[in-house]
Amino acid sequence: MRRRSVLRATATAGVLGVAGCAAMSGEDDATPVTVQAVDVLNRRSAAATAEFVADRGEEVAVRRTVELAGSENASRPPGVEIAAFADDPGVYRFRLDVRDGETLKTTPSGLNVTADGADCVRVVFVLNLDDRLTAYARSPCASE
């Protein structure tokens, strides 16, 4: 993961963690998006293992198990970048399953992505300090 990407994602995660925003969505999203990457951040002190799944249409596009180190500083959480997405737009559903039983499912519209920002989306999942998962999207993506 590029250092600037991690810093941008970390700063935004800290703001959203304080704001208490959580994104959840139904399964009926039909907004085609181009996904740049997905970041999974761990603000908790304990290490965690999670499985990330991205469905594109009716098929599994990406499935990754990620190992996340525990955070020594919740405002600068360790993270993992998943960047194995197609270059063209698709209809996606995202899910993060943490080994201890937490699950968060969302879609681009559940993350407030509209057609105006669908050309480049970066999704961030955050394991927050209060034992809840949150997700948000940066759209359009910041240039590197």
Protein backbone atom coordinates (compact mmCIF):
# COMPACT_ATOMS: atom_id res chain seq x y z
CA MET A 1 0.00 0.00 0.00
CA ARG A 2 1.39 3.41 -0.88
CA ARG A 3 2.25 5.56 2.11
CA ARG A 4 0.04 8.46 0.95
CA SER A 5 -2.91 6.10 0.45
CA VAL A 6 -2.49 4.69 3.94
CA LEU A 7 -2.23 8.15 5.48
CA ARG A 8 -5.33 9.41 3.64
CA ALA A 9 -7.33 6.31 4.58
CA THR A 10 -6.11 6.48 8.17
CA ALA A 11 -7.01 10.14 8.58
CA THR A 12 -10.49 9.57 7.19
CA ALA A 13 -10.97 6.46 9.34
CA GLY A 14 -10.15 8.46 12.45
CA VAL A 15 -12.71 11.13 11.57
CA LEU A 16 -15.42 8.57 10.77
CA GLY A 17 -14.64 6.53 13.87
CA VAL A 18 -15.28 9.60 16.00
CA ALA A 19 -18.37 10.55 14.00
CA GLY A 20 -19.85 7.08 14.50
CA CYS A 21 -20.91 6.54 10.90
CA ALA A 22 -21.76 3.03 9.79
CA ALA A 23 -22.73 2.05 6.28
CA MET A 24 -25.09 -0.81 5.68
CA SER A 25 -27.10 -1.48 2.57
CA GLY A 26 -29.51 -3.86 1.00
CA GLU A 27 -28.64 -6.24 -1.81
CA ASP A 28 -30.53 -4.36 -4.55
CA ASP A 29 -27.83 -1.91 -5.67
CA ALA A 30 -27.37 -1.62 -9.43
CA THR A 31 -24.87 1.25 -9.63
CA PRO A 32 -21.94 0.15 -11.81
CA VAL A 33 -18.64 1.39 -10.38
CA THR A 34 -14.93 1.08 -11.10
CA VAL A 35 -13.23 -0.04 -7.89
CA GLN A 36 -9.67 1.21 -7.47
CA ALA A 37 -9.05 -0.75 -4.25
CA VAL A 38 -10.41 -1.78 -0.87
CA ASP A 39 -8.57 -0.98 2.36
CA VAL A 40 -9.18 -2.88 5.60
CA LEU A 41 -8.00 -1.02 8.71
CA ASN A 42 -7.77 -2.28 12.30
CA ARG A 43 -8.13 0.38 15.04
CA ARG A 44 -8.27 -2.31 17.77
CA SER A 45 -5.28 -3.30 19.90
CA ALA A 46 -5.79 -7.02 19.20
CA ALA A 47 -4.73 -8.55 15.90
CA ALA A 48 -7.58 -9.76 13.70
CA THR A 49 -8.22 -12.06 10.76
CA ALA A 50 -10.98 -11.24 8.30
CA GLU A 51 -12.28 -12.48 5.00
CA PHE A 52 -13.17 -9.91 2.36
CA VAL A 53 -15.50 -10.84 -0.50
CA ALA A 54 -16.52 -8.69 -3.46
CA ASP A 55 -19.27 -10.04 -5.70
CA ARG A 56 -19.46 -8.58 -9.19
CA GLY A 57 -22.85 -9.35 -10.63
CA GLU A 58 -23.54 -12.95 -9.70
CA GLU A 59 -19.88 -14.04 -9.43
CA VAL A 60 -17.24 -13.71 -6.74
CA ALA A 61 -14.75 -11.21 -8.16
CA VAL A 62 -12.36 -11.03 -5.21
CA ARG A 63 -12.00 -13.16 -2.09
CA ARG A 64 -9.10 -12.51 0.30
CA THR A 65 -8.28 -13.48 3.84
CA VAL A 66 -6.42 -10.64 5.51
CA GLU A 67 -4.31 -10.70 8.65
CA LEU A 68 -4.38 -7.37 10.47
CA ALA A 69 -1.87 -6.43 13.15
CA GLY A 70 -3.16 -4.86 16.33
CA SER A 71 -3.04 -1.10 16.52
CA GLU A 72 -0.66 0.67 18.87
CA ASN A 73 -2.28 3.99 17.99
CA ALA A 74 -5.97 3.96 16.96
CA SER A 75 -5.53 7.15 14.95
CA ARG A 76 -2.89 5.41 12.78
CA PRO A 77 -4.30 1.89 12.34
CA PRO A 78 -2.47 -0.79 10.40
CA GLY A 79 -4.18 -1.81 7.20
CA VAL A 80 -4.20 -4.04 4.17
CA GLU A 81 -4.92 -2.94 0.62
CA ILE A 82 -6.79 -5.21 -1.79
CA ALA A 83 -6.36 -4.01 -5.36
CA ALA A 84 -7.28 -6.96 -7.59
CA PHE A 85 -10.31 -5.41 -9.30
CA ALA A 86 -11.29 -5.20 -12.97
CA ASP A 87 -10.51 -1.96 -14.79
CA ASP A 88 -14.05 -1.60 -16.14
CA PRO A 89 -17.26 -0.73 -14.23
CA GLY A 90 -19.27 -3.49 -12.60
CA VAL A 91 -22.11 -3.95 -10.13
CA TYR A 92 -20.52 -4.89 -6.79
CA ARG A 93 -21.57 -6.11 -3.36
CA PHE A 94 -18.96 -6.10 -0.58
CA ARG A 95 -18.72 -8.18 2.61
CA LEU A 96 -16.19 -8.29 5.43
CA ASP A 97 -16.35 -11.21 7.89
CA VAL A 98 -14.17 -10.91 11.00
CA ARG A 99 -13.22 -14.23 12.61
CA ASP A 100 -14.97 -13.42 15.89
CA GLY A 101 -18.32 -13.33 14.15
CA GLU A 102 -18.78 -9.73 13.04
CA THR A 103 -19.99 -9.17 9.47
CA LEU A 104 -20.60 -6.04 7.44
CA LYS A 105 -22.27 -6.12 4.03
CA THR A 106 -22.59 -3.07 1.84
CA THR A 107 -22.90 -1.84 -1.74
CA PRO A 108 -21.78 1.33 -3.53
CA SER A 109 -25.16 3.02 -2.97
CA GLY A 110 -24.99 2.01 0.70
CA LEU A 111 -21.71 3.94 0.79
CA ASN A 112 -23.36 6.95 -0.89
CA VAL A 113 -21.61 6.46 -4.23
CA THR A 114 -23.62 8.10 -7.00
CA ALA A 115 -23.23 7.89 -10.76
CA ASP A 116 -21.15 11.11 -10.61
CA GLY A 117 -18.42 9.38 -8.57
CA ALA A 118 -18.76 5.86 -9.96
CA ASP A 119 -15.78 6.13 -12.32
CA CYS A 120 -13.36 5.60 -9.41
CA VAL A 121 -14.25 4.26 -5.97
CA ARG A 122 -11.99 3.30 -3.09
CA VAL A 123 -13.77 1.42 -0.29
CA VAL A 124 -12.48 1.38 3.29
CA PHE A 125 -13.60 -1.10 5.97
CA VAL A 126 -12.67 -0.24 9.56
CA LEU A 127 -12.57 -2.50 12.61
CA ASN A 128 -13.42 0.13 15.22
CA LEU A 129 -12.55 0.29 18.90
CA ASP A 130 -16.12 -0.25 20.07
CA ASP A 131 -16.42 -3.70 18.47
CA ARG A 132 -18.28 -2.55 15.41
CA LEU A 133 -17.41 -2.48 11.75
CA THR A 134 -17.86 0.54 9.54
CA ALA A 135 -17.31 1.20 5.87
CA TYR A 136 -17.11 4.26 3.69
CA ALA A 137 -16.14 5.10 0.12
CA ARG A 138 -13.87 7.75 -1.25
CA SER A 139 -15.33 8.78 -4.53
CA PRO A 140 -13.99 10.03 -6.79
CA CYS A 141 -10.61 8.60 -5.90
CA ALA A 142 -7.83 10.97 -5.01
CA SER A 143 -5.09 11.09 -7.62
CA GLU A 144 -1.85 9.37 -6.58
